mmCIF file of all heavy atoms, coordinates in Angstrom:
data_MODEL
# 
_entry.id   MODEL 
# 
loop_
_atom_site.group_PDB 
_atom_site.id 
_atom_site.type_symbol 
_atom_site.label_atom_id 
_atom_site.label_alt_id 
_atom_site.label_comp_id 
_atom_site.label_asym_id 
_atom_site.label_entity_id 
_atom_site.label_seq_id 
_atom_site.pdbx_PDB_ins_code 
_atom_site.Cartn_x 
_atom_site.Cartn_y 
_atom_site.Cartn_z 
_atom_site.occupancy 
_atom_site.B_iso_or_equiv 
_atom_site.pdbx_formal_charge 
_atom_site.auth_seq_id 
_atom_site.auth_comp_id 
_atom_site.auth_asym_id 
_atom_site.auth_atom_id 
_atom_site.pdbx_PDB_model_num 
ATOM 1   N N   . PHE A 1 1  ? 118.334 103.807 108.315 1.00 0.00 ? 1  PHE A N   1 
ATOM 2   C CA  . PHE A 1 1  ? 117.844 102.450 108.371 1.00 0.00 ? 1  PHE A CA  1 
ATOM 3   C C   . PHE A 1 1  ? 116.461 102.461 108.955 1.00 0.00 ? 1  PHE A C   1 
ATOM 4   O O   . PHE A 1 1  ? 115.596 101.786 108.338 1.00 0.00 ? 1  PHE A O   1 
ATOM 5   C CB  . PHE A 1 1  ? 118.770 101.594 109.238 1.00 0.00 ? 1  PHE A CB  1 
ATOM 6   C CG  . PHE A 1 1  ? 118.208 100.151 109.403 1.00 0.00 ? 1  PHE A CG  1 
ATOM 7   C CD1 . PHE A 1 1  ? 118.399 99.303  108.434 1.00 0.00 ? 1  PHE A CD1 1 
ATOM 8   C CD2 . PHE A 1 1  ? 117.598 99.774  110.508 1.00 0.00 ? 1  PHE A CD2 1 
ATOM 9   C CE1 . PHE A 1 1  ? 117.959 97.940  108.570 1.00 0.00 ? 1  PHE A CE1 1 
ATOM 10  C CE2 . PHE A 1 1  ? 117.095 98.450  110.700 1.00 0.00 ? 1  PHE A CE2 1 
ATOM 11  C CZ  . PHE A 1 1  ? 117.400 97.506  109.740 1.00 0.00 ? 1  PHE A CZ  1 
ATOM 12  N N   . VAL A 1 2  ? 116.189 103.141 110.063 1.00 0.00 ? 2  VAL A N   1 
ATOM 13  C CA  . VAL A 1 2  ? 114.876 103.191 110.632 1.00 0.00 ? 2  VAL A CA  1 
ATOM 14  C C   . VAL A 1 2  ? 113.920 103.801 109.600 1.00 0.00 ? 2  VAL A C   1 
ATOM 15  O O   . VAL A 1 2  ? 112.709 103.363 109.468 1.00 0.00 ? 2  VAL A O   1 
ATOM 16  C CB  . VAL A 1 2  ? 114.923 104.027 111.948 1.00 0.00 ? 2  VAL A CB  1 
ATOM 17  C CG1 . VAL A 1 2  ? 113.555 104.188 112.485 1.00 0.00 ? 2  VAL A CG1 1 
ATOM 18  C CG2 . VAL A 1 2  ? 115.743 103.210 112.955 1.00 0.00 ? 2  VAL A CG2 1 
ATOM 19  N N   . THR A 1 3  ? 114.294 104.891 108.971 1.00 0.00 ? 3  THR A N   1 
ATOM 20  C CA  . THR A 1 3  ? 113.442 105.586 108.037 1.00 0.00 ? 3  THR A CA  1 
ATOM 21  C C   . THR A 1 3  ? 113.109 104.657 106.907 1.00 0.00 ? 3  THR A C   1 
ATOM 22  O O   . THR A 1 3  ? 112.000 104.605 106.494 1.00 0.00 ? 3  THR A O   1 
ATOM 23  C CB  . THR A 1 3  ? 114.142 106.814 107.431 1.00 0.00 ? 3  THR A CB  1 
ATOM 24  O OG1 . THR A 1 3  ? 114.459 107.708 108.587 1.00 0.00 ? 3  THR A OG1 1 
ATOM 25  C CG2 . THR A 1 3  ? 113.197 107.552 106.485 1.00 0.00 ? 3  THR A CG2 1 
ATOM 26  N N   . GLY A 1 4  ? 114.068 103.900 106.400 1.00 0.00 ? 4  GLY A N   1 
ATOM 27  C CA  . GLY A 1 4  ? 113.696 102.963 105.300 1.00 0.00 ? 4  GLY A CA  1 
ATOM 28  C C   . GLY A 1 4  ? 112.694 101.855 105.760 1.00 0.00 ? 4  GLY A C   1 
ATOM 29  O O   . GLY A 1 4  ? 111.810 101.586 104.986 1.00 0.00 ? 4  GLY A O   1 
ATOM 30  N N   . GLY A 1 5  ? 112.823 101.417 107.074 1.00 0.00 ? 5  GLY A N   1 
ATOM 31  C CA  . GLY A 1 5  ? 111.816 100.416 107.527 1.00 0.00 ? 5  GLY A CA  1 
ATOM 32  C C   . GLY A 1 5  ? 110.434 101.078 107.605 1.00 0.00 ? 5  GLY A C   1 
ATOM 33  O O   . GLY A 1 5  ? 109.460 100.471 107.272 1.00 0.00 ? 5  GLY A O   1 
ATOM 34  N N   . GLN A 1 6  ? 110.394 102.335 108.061 1.00 0.00 ? 6  GLN A N   1 
ATOM 35  C CA  . GLN A 1 6  ? 109.171 103.044 108.099 1.00 0.00 ? 6  GLN A CA  1 
ATOM 36  C C   . GLN A 1 6  ? 108.441 103.295 106.826 1.00 0.00 ? 6  GLN A C   1 
ATOM 37  O O   . GLN A 1 6  ? 107.304 103.142 106.621 1.00 0.00 ? 6  GLN A O   1 
ATOM 38  C CB  . GLN A 1 6  ? 109.331 104.361 108.847 1.00 0.00 ? 6  GLN A CB  1 
ATOM 39  C CG  . GLN A 1 6  ? 109.709 104.226 110.346 1.00 0.00 ? 6  GLN A CG  1 
ATOM 40  C CD  . GLN A 1 6  ? 110.028 105.643 111.043 1.00 0.00 ? 6  GLN A CD  1 
ATOM 41  O OE1 . GLN A 1 6  ? 110.351 106.560 110.318 1.00 0.00 ? 6  GLN A OE1 1 
ATOM 42  N NE2 . GLN A 1 6  ? 110.033 105.574 112.309 1.00 0.00 ? 6  GLN A NE2 1 
ATOM 43  N N   . VAL A 1 7  ? 109.367 103.644 105.775 1.00 0.00 ? 7  VAL A N   1 
ATOM 44  C CA  . VAL A 1 7  ? 108.821 103.839 104.455 1.00 0.00 ? 7  VAL A CA  1 
ATOM 45  C C   . VAL A 1 7  ? 108.164 102.552 103.894 1.00 0.00 ? 7  VAL A C   1 
ATOM 46  O O   . VAL A 1 7  ? 106.994 102.555 103.425 1.00 0.00 ? 7  VAL A O   1 
ATOM 47  C CB  . VAL A 1 7  ? 109.937 104.309 103.540 1.00 0.00 ? 7  VAL A CB  1 
ATOM 48  C CG1 . VAL A 1 7  ? 109.439 104.158 101.963 1.00 0.00 ? 7  VAL A CG1 1 
ATOM 49  C CG2 . VAL A 1 7  ? 110.413 105.714 103.803 1.00 0.00 ? 7  VAL A CG2 1 
ATOM 50  N N   . GLN A 1 8  ? 108.800 101.549 104.166 1.00 0.00 ? 8  GLN A N   1 
ATOM 51  C CA  . GLN A 1 8  ? 108.336 100.171 103.613 1.00 0.00 ? 8  GLN A CA  1 
ATOM 52  C C   . GLN A 1 8  ? 107.091 99.771  104.296 1.00 0.00 ? 8  GLN A C   1 
ATOM 53  O O   . GLN A 1 8  ? 106.015 99.384  103.758 1.00 0.00 ? 8  GLN A O   1 
ATOM 54  C CB  . GLN A 1 8  ? 109.377 99.018  103.953 1.00 0.00 ? 8  GLN A CB  1 
ATOM 55  C CG  . GLN A 1 8  ? 108.921 97.675  103.593 1.00 0.00 ? 8  GLN A CG  1 
ATOM 56  C CD  . GLN A 1 8  ? 108.880 97.356  102.108 1.00 0.00 ? 8  GLN A CD  1 
ATOM 57  O OE1 . GLN A 1 8  ? 109.379 98.133  101.301 1.00 0.00 ? 8  GLN A OE1 1 
ATOM 58  N NE2 . GLN A 1 8  ? 108.203 96.199  101.737 1.00 0.00 ? 8  GLN A NE2 1 
ATOM 59  N N   . ALA A 1 9  ? 106.989 100.053 105.683 1.00 0.00 ? 9  ALA A N   1 
ATOM 60  C CA  . ALA A 1 9  ? 105.774 99.769  106.434 1.00 0.00 ? 9  ALA A CA  1 
ATOM 61  C C   . ALA A 1 9  ? 104.551 100.586 106.070 1.00 0.00 ? 9  ALA A C   1 
ATOM 62  O O   . ALA A 1 9  ? 103.479 100.103 105.967 1.00 0.00 ? 9  ALA A O   1 
ATOM 63  C CB  . ALA A 1 9  ? 106.040 99.948  107.857 1.00 0.00 ? 9  ALA A CB  1 
ATOM 64  N N   . ARG A 1 10 ? 104.819 101.861 105.690 1.00 0.00 ? 10 ARG A N   1 
ATOM 65  C CA  . ARG A 1 10 ? 103.725 102.709 105.427 1.00 0.00 ? 10 ARG A CA  1 
ATOM 66  C C   . ARG A 1 10 ? 103.221 102.557 104.031 1.00 0.00 ? 10 ARG A C   1 
ATOM 67  O O   . ARG A 1 10 ? 101.978 102.687 103.745 1.00 0.00 ? 10 ARG A O   1 
ATOM 68  C CB  . ARG A 1 10 ? 104.139 104.310 105.552 1.00 0.00 ? 10 ARG A CB  1 
ATOM 69  C CG  . ARG A 1 10 ? 104.401 104.546 107.041 1.00 0.00 ? 10 ARG A CG  1 
ATOM 70  C CD  . ARG A 1 10 ? 104.870 105.974 107.168 1.00 0.00 ? 10 ARG A CD  1 
ATOM 71  N NE  . ARG A 1 10 ? 105.157 106.236 108.618 1.00 0.00 ? 10 ARG A NE  1 
ATOM 72  C CZ  . ARG A 1 10 ? 105.618 107.372 108.990 1.00 0.00 ? 10 ARG A CZ  1 
ATOM 73  N NH1 . ARG A 1 10 ? 105.818 108.379 108.236 1.00 0.00 ? 10 ARG A NH1 1 
ATOM 74  N NH2 . ARG A 1 10 ? 105.851 107.539 110.341 1.00 0.00 ? 10 ARG A NH2 1 
ATOM 75  N N   . ILE A 1 11 ? 104.082 102.140 103.110 1.00 0.00 ? 11 ILE A N   1 
ATOM 76  C CA  . ILE A 1 11 ? 103.598 101.752 101.742 1.00 0.00 ? 11 ILE A CA  1 
ATOM 77  C C   . ILE A 1 11 ? 102.891 100.466 101.826 1.00 0.00 ? 11 ILE A C   1 
ATOM 78  O O   . ILE A 1 11 ? 101.857 100.214 101.217 1.00 0.00 ? 11 ILE A O   1 
ATOM 79  C CB  . ILE A 1 11 ? 104.761 101.633 100.714 1.00 0.00 ? 11 ILE A CB  1 
ATOM 80  C CG1 . ILE A 1 11 ? 105.441 103.062 100.528 1.00 0.00 ? 11 ILE A CG1 1 
ATOM 81  C CG2 . ILE A 1 11 ? 104.278 101.084 99.362  1.00 0.00 ? 11 ILE A CG2 1 
ATOM 82  C CD1 . ILE A 1 11 ? 104.534 104.061 99.850  1.00 0.00 ? 11 ILE A CD1 1 
ATOM 83  N N   . ALA A 1 12 ? 103.489 99.543  102.556 1.00 0.00 ? 12 ALA A N   1 
ATOM 84  C CA  . ALA A 1 12 ? 102.843 98.152  102.577 1.00 0.00 ? 12 ALA A CA  1 
ATOM 85  C C   . ALA A 1 12 ? 101.453 98.107  103.300 1.00 0.00 ? 12 ALA A C   1 
ATOM 86  O O   . ALA A 1 12 ? 100.601 97.258  102.855 1.00 0.00 ? 12 ALA A O   1 
ATOM 87  C CB  . ALA A 1 12 ? 103.839 97.208  103.456 1.00 0.00 ? 12 ALA A CB  1 
ATOM 88  N N   . GLN A 1 13 ? 101.234 99.005  104.182 1.00 0.00 ? 13 GLN A N   1 
ATOM 89  C CA  . GLN A 1 13 ? 99.872  98.992  104.826 1.00 0.00 ? 13 GLN A CA  1 
ATOM 90  C C   . GLN A 1 13 ? 98.728  99.255  103.862 1.00 0.00 ? 13 GLN A C   1 
ATOM 91  O O   . GLN A 1 13 ? 97.584  98.848  104.113 1.00 0.00 ? 13 GLN A O   1 
ATOM 92  C CB  . GLN A 1 13 ? 99.919  100.113 106.008 1.00 0.00 ? 13 GLN A CB  1 
ATOM 93  C CG  . GLN A 1 13 ? 99.798  101.514 105.469 1.00 0.00 ? 13 GLN A CG  1 
ATOM 94  C CD  . GLN A 1 13 ? 99.496  102.520 106.567 1.00 0.00 ? 13 GLN A CD  1 
ATOM 95  O OE1 . GLN A 1 13 ? 99.006  102.208 107.663 1.00 0.00 ? 13 GLN A OE1 1 
ATOM 96  N NE2 . GLN A 1 13 ? 100.024 103.757 106.375 1.00 0.00 ? 13 GLN A NE2 1 
ATOM 97  N N   . TRP A 1 14 ? 99.030  99.809  102.731 1.00 0.00 ? 14 TRP A N   1 
ATOM 98  C CA  . TRP A 1 14 ? 98.026  100.091 101.805 1.00 0.00 ? 14 TRP A CA  1 
ATOM 99  C C   . TRP A 1 14 ? 97.910  99.016  100.662 1.00 0.00 ? 14 TRP A C   1 
ATOM 100 O O   . TRP A 1 14 ? 96.833  98.600  100.159 1.00 0.00 ? 14 TRP A O   1 
ATOM 101 C CB  . TRP A 1 14 ? 98.214  101.457 101.065 1.00 0.00 ? 14 TRP A CB  1 
ATOM 102 C CG  . TRP A 1 14 ? 97.915  102.556 102.002 1.00 0.00 ? 14 TRP A CG  1 
ATOM 103 C CD1 . TRP A 1 14 ? 98.858  103.357 102.724 1.00 0.00 ? 14 TRP A CD1 1 
ATOM 104 C CD2 . TRP A 1 14 ? 96.565  103.084 102.344 1.00 0.00 ? 14 TRP A CD2 1 
ATOM 105 N NE1 . TRP A 1 14 ? 98.216  104.276 103.520 1.00 0.00 ? 14 TRP A NE1 1 
ATOM 106 C CE2 . TRP A 1 14 ? 96.821  104.111 103.311 1.00 0.00 ? 14 TRP A CE2 1 
ATOM 107 C CE3 . TRP A 1 14 ? 95.395  102.780 101.989 1.00 0.00 ? 14 TRP A CE3 1 
ATOM 108 C CZ2 . TRP A 1 14 ? 95.739  104.870 103.818 1.00 0.00 ? 14 TRP A CZ2 1 
ATOM 109 C CZ3 . TRP A 1 14 ? 94.310  103.497 102.529 1.00 0.00 ? 14 TRP A CZ3 1 
ATOM 110 C CH2 . TRP A 1 14 ? 94.484  104.501 103.463 1.00 0.00 ? 14 TRP A CH2 1 
ATOM 111 N N   . PHE A 1 15 ? 99.098  98.490  100.269 1.00 0.00 ? 15 PHE A N   1 
ATOM 112 C CA  . PHE A 1 15 ? 99.120  97.534  99.122  1.00 0.00 ? 15 PHE A CA  1 
ATOM 113 C C   . PHE A 1 15 ? 99.140  96.079  99.572  1.00 0.00 ? 15 PHE A C   1 
ATOM 114 O O   . PHE A 1 15 ? 98.579  95.322  98.717  1.00 0.00 ? 15 PHE A O   1 
ATOM 115 C CB  . PHE A 1 15 ? 100.307 97.822  98.202  1.00 0.00 ? 15 PHE A CB  1 
ATOM 116 C CG  . PHE A 1 15 ? 100.250 99.129  97.576  1.00 0.00 ? 15 PHE A CG  1 
ATOM 117 C CD1 . PHE A 1 15 ? 101.114 100.212 97.694  1.00 0.00 ? 15 PHE A CD1 1 
ATOM 118 C CD2 . PHE A 1 15 ? 99.282  99.351  96.602  1.00 0.00 ? 15 PHE A CD2 1 
ATOM 119 C CE1 . PHE A 1 15 ? 100.899 101.392 97.088  1.00 0.00 ? 15 PHE A CE1 1 
ATOM 120 C CE2 . PHE A 1 15 ? 99.143  100.498 95.869  1.00 0.00 ? 15 PHE A CE2 1 
ATOM 121 C CZ  . PHE A 1 15 ? 99.934  101.594 96.127  1.00 0.00 ? 15 PHE A CZ  1 
ATOM 122 N N   . ARG A 1 16 ? 99.532  95.656  100.692 1.00 0.00 ? 16 ARG A N   1 
ATOM 123 C CA  . ARG A 1 16 ? 99.532  94.308  101.094 1.00 0.00 ? 16 ARG A CA  1 
ATOM 124 C C   . ARG A 1 16 ? 98.106  93.751  101.152 1.00 0.00 ? 16 ARG A C   1 
ATOM 125 O O   . ARG A 1 16 ? 97.849  92.646  100.603 1.00 0.00 ? 16 ARG A O   1 
ATOM 126 C CB  . ARG A 1 16 ? 100.287 94.097  102.336 1.00 0.00 ? 16 ARG A CB  1 
ATOM 127 C CG  . ARG A 1 16 ? 101.741 94.075  102.265 1.00 0.00 ? 16 ARG A CG  1 
ATOM 128 C CD  . ARG A 1 16 ? 102.322 93.371  103.451 1.00 0.00 ? 16 ARG A CD  1 
ATOM 129 N NE  . ARG A 1 16 ? 103.773 93.527  103.478 1.00 0.00 ? 16 ARG A NE  1 
ATOM 130 C CZ  . ARG A 1 16 ? 104.736 92.909  102.661 1.00 0.00 ? 16 ARG A CZ  1 
ATOM 131 N NH1 . ARG A 1 16 ? 104.300 92.106  101.765 1.00 0.00 ? 16 ARG A NH1 1 
ATOM 132 N NH2 . ARG A 1 16 ? 105.984 93.215  102.813 1.00 0.00 ? 16 ARG A NH2 1 
ATOM 133 N N   . PRO A 1 17 ? 97.138  94.474  101.700 1.00 0.00 ? 17 PRO A N   1 
ATOM 134 C CA  . PRO A 1 17 ? 95.810  94.028  101.758 1.00 0.00 ? 17 PRO A CA  1 
ATOM 135 C C   . PRO A 1 17 ? 94.930  94.367  100.446 1.00 0.00 ? 17 PRO A C   1 
ATOM 136 O O   . PRO A 1 17 ? 93.791  93.906  100.349 1.00 0.00 ? 17 PRO A O   1 
ATOM 137 C CB  . PRO A 1 17 ? 95.184  94.716  102.983 1.00 0.00 ? 17 PRO A CB  1 
ATOM 138 C CG  . PRO A 1 17 ? 95.897  95.978  102.999 1.00 0.00 ? 17 PRO A CG  1 
ATOM 139 C CD  . PRO A 1 17 ? 97.329  95.732  102.450 1.00 0.00 ? 17 PRO A CD  1 
ATOM 140 N N   . ALA A 1 18 ? 95.514  95.062  99.470  1.00 0.00 ? 18 ALA A N   1 
ATOM 141 C CA  . ALA A 1 18 ? 94.810  95.438  98.326  1.00 0.00 ? 18 ALA A CA  1 
ATOM 142 C C   . ALA A 1 18 ? 94.421  94.164  97.453  1.00 0.00 ? 18 ALA A C   1 
ATOM 143 O O   . ALA A 1 18 ? 95.131  93.198  97.494  1.00 0.00 ? 18 ALA A O   1 
ATOM 144 C CB  . ALA A 1 18 ? 95.609  96.413  97.484  1.00 0.00 ? 18 ALA A CB  1 
ATOM 145 N N   . THR A 1 19 ? 93.464  94.413  96.702  1.00 0.00 ? 19 THR A N   1 
ATOM 146 C CA  . THR A 1 19 ? 92.903  93.323  95.858  1.00 0.00 ? 19 THR A CA  1 
ATOM 147 C C   . THR A 1 19 ? 93.550  93.349  94.513  1.00 0.00 ? 19 THR A C   1 
ATOM 148 O O   . THR A 1 19 ? 93.839  92.251  93.927  1.00 0.00 ? 19 THR A O   1 
ATOM 149 C CB  . THR A 1 19 ? 91.402  93.412  95.693  1.00 0.00 ? 19 THR A CB  1 
ATOM 150 O OG1 . THR A 1 19 ? 90.767  93.408  97.012  1.00 0.00 ? 19 THR A OG1 1 
ATOM 151 C CG2 . THR A 1 19 ? 90.888  92.215  94.923  1.00 0.00 ? 19 THR A CG2 1 
ATOM 152 N N   . ALA A 1 20 ? 93.853  94.491  93.940  1.00 0.00 ? 20 ALA A N   1 
ATOM 153 C CA  . ALA A 1 20 ? 94.455  94.600  92.570  1.00 0.00 ? 20 ALA A CA  1 
ATOM 154 C C   . ALA A 1 20 ? 95.098  95.972  92.388  1.00 0.00 ? 20 ALA A C   1 
ATOM 155 O O   . ALA A 1 20 ? 94.672  96.880  93.143  1.00 0.00 ? 20 ALA A O   1 
ATOM 156 C CB  . ALA A 1 20 ? 93.375  94.324  91.476  1.00 0.00 ? 20 ALA A CB  1 
ATOM 157 N N   . VAL A 1 21 ? 95.907  96.058  91.465  1.00 0.00 ? 21 VAL A N   1 
ATOM 158 C CA  . VAL A 1 21 ? 96.553  97.409  91.194  1.00 0.00 ? 21 VAL A CA  1 
ATOM 159 C C   . VAL A 1 21 ? 96.117  97.855  89.780  1.00 0.00 ? 21 VAL A C   1 
ATOM 160 O O   . VAL A 1 21 ? 95.770  96.931  88.915  1.00 0.00 ? 21 VAL A O   1 
ATOM 161 C CB  . VAL A 1 21 ? 98.075  97.348  91.252  1.00 0.00 ? 21 VAL A CB  1 
ATOM 162 C CG1 . VAL A 1 21 ? 98.581  97.207  92.533  1.00 0.00 ? 21 VAL A CG1 1 
ATOM 163 C CG2 . VAL A 1 21 ? 98.645  96.214  90.263  1.00 0.00 ? 21 VAL A CG2 1 
ATOM 164 N N   . GLY A 1 22 ? 96.036  99.057  89.588  1.00 0.00 ? 22 GLY A N   1 
ATOM 165 C CA  . GLY A 1 22 ? 95.508  99.661  88.281  1.00 0.00 ? 22 GLY A CA  1 
ATOM 166 C C   . GLY A 1 22 ? 96.600  100.334 87.564  1.00 0.00 ? 22 GLY A C   1 
ATOM 167 O O   . GLY A 1 22 ? 97.743  100.057 87.616  1.00 0.00 ? 22 GLY A O   1 
ATOM 168 N N   . ALA A 1 23 ? 96.111  101.427 86.923  1.00 0.00 ? 23 ALA A N   1 
ATOM 169 C CA  . ALA A 1 23 ? 97.077  102.264 86.049  1.00 0.00 ? 23 ALA A CA  1 
ATOM 170 C C   . ALA A 1 23 ? 98.052  102.982 86.970  1.00 0.00 ? 23 ALA A C   1 
ATOM 171 O O   . ALA A 1 23 ? 97.688  103.445 88.017  1.00 0.00 ? 23 ALA A O   1 
ATOM 172 C CB  . ALA A 1 23 ? 96.266  103.186 85.261  1.00 0.00 ? 23 ALA A CB  1 
ATOM 173 N N   . ALA A 1 24 ? 99.302  103.083 86.493  1.00 0.00 ? 24 ALA A N   1 
ATOM 174 C CA  . ALA A 1 24 ? 100.382 103.746 87.242  1.00 0.00 ? 24 ALA A CA  1 
ATOM 175 C C   . ALA A 1 24 ? 101.041 104.947 86.440  1.00 0.00 ? 24 ALA A C   1 
ATOM 176 O O   . ALA A 1 24 ? 101.062 104.827 85.151  1.00 0.00 ? 24 ALA A O   1 
ATOM 177 C CB  . ALA A 1 24 ? 101.438 102.782 87.575  1.00 0.00 ? 24 ALA A CB  1 
ATOM 178 N N   . GLN A 1 25 ? 101.370 106.003 87.157  1.00 0.00 ? 25 GLN A N   1 
ATOM 179 C CA  . GLN A 1 25 ? 101.996 107.151 86.523  1.00 0.00 ? 25 GLN A CA  1 
ATOM 180 C C   . GLN A 1 25 ? 103.416 106.983 87.215  1.00 0.00 ? 25 GLN A C   1 
ATOM 181 O O   . GLN A 1 25 ? 103.518 107.180 88.424  1.00 0.00 ? 25 GLN A O   1 
ATOM 182 C CB  . GLN A 1 25 ? 101.370 108.380 86.733  1.00 0.00 ? 25 GLN A CB  1 
ATOM 183 C CG  . GLN A 1 25 ? 102.062 109.629 86.044  1.00 0.00 ? 25 GLN A CG  1 
ATOM 184 C CD  . GLN A 1 25 ? 101.088 110.806 86.087  1.00 0.00 ? 25 GLN A CD  1 
ATOM 185 O OE1 . GLN A 1 25 ? 100.259 110.947 85.214  1.00 0.00 ? 25 GLN A OE1 1 
ATOM 186 N NE2 . GLN A 1 25 ? 101.144 111.702 87.041  1.00 0.00 ? 25 GLN A NE2 1 
ATOM 187 N N   . ARG A 1 26 ? 104.462 106.869 86.464  1.00 0.00 ? 26 ARG A N   1 
ATOM 188 C CA  . ARG A 1 26 ? 105.833 106.479 87.013  1.00 0.00 ? 26 ARG A CA  1 
ATOM 189 C C   . ARG A 1 26 ? 106.326 107.648 87.969  1.00 0.00 ? 26 ARG A C   1 
ATOM 190 O O   . ARG A 1 26 ? 106.836 107.359 89.112  1.00 0.00 ? 26 ARG A O   1 
ATOM 191 C CB  . ARG A 1 26 ? 106.735 106.224 85.998  1.00 0.00 ? 26 ARG A CB  1 
ATOM 192 C CG  . ARG A 1 26 ? 108.177 105.666 86.436  1.00 0.00 ? 26 ARG A CG  1 
ATOM 193 C CD  . ARG A 1 26 ? 108.993 105.267 85.206  1.00 0.00 ? 26 ARG A CD  1 
ATOM 194 N NE  . ARG A 1 26 ? 110.220 104.680 85.712  1.00 0.00 ? 26 ARG A NE  1 
ATOM 195 C CZ  . ARG A 1 26 ? 111.279 105.273 86.101  1.00 0.00 ? 26 ARG A CZ  1 
ATOM 196 N NH1 . ARG A 1 26 ? 111.361 106.602 85.998  1.00 0.00 ? 26 ARG A NH1 1 
ATOM 197 N NH2 . ARG A 1 26 ? 112.373 104.642 86.429  1.00 0.00 ? 26 ARG A NH2 1 
ATOM 198 N N   . GLY A 1 27 ? 106.254 108.858 87.582  1.00 0.00 ? 27 GLY A N   1 
ATOM 199 C CA  . GLY A 1 27 ? 106.900 109.943 88.331  1.00 0.00 ? 27 GLY A CA  1 
ATOM 200 C C   . GLY A 1 27 ? 108.316 110.130 88.176  1.00 0.00 ? 27 GLY A C   1 
ATOM 201 O O   . GLY A 1 27 ? 108.939 109.421 87.270  1.00 0.00 ? 27 GLY A O   1 
ATOM 202 N N   . SER A 1 28 ? 108.991 110.881 89.026  1.00 0.00 ? 28 SER A N   1 
ATOM 203 C CA  . SER A 1 28 ? 110.395 111.108 88.815  1.00 0.00 ? 28 SER A CA  1 
ATOM 204 C C   . SER A 1 28 ? 110.975 111.606 90.251  1.00 0.00 ? 28 SER A C   1 
ATOM 205 O O   . SER A 1 28 ? 110.254 112.171 91.058  1.00 0.00 ? 28 SER A O   1 
ATOM 206 C CB  . SER A 1 28 ? 110.589 112.263 87.825  1.00 0.00 ? 28 SER A CB  1 
ATOM 207 O OG  . SER A 1 28 ? 111.990 112.625 87.845  1.00 0.00 ? 28 SER A OG  1 
# 
């Protein structure tokens, strides 16, 4: 549970303040 919260926080720190998203490569 703690790890899940940390993952969300670390991804969010980059994308919440972002202005736009561009091209994506889906991955696996």
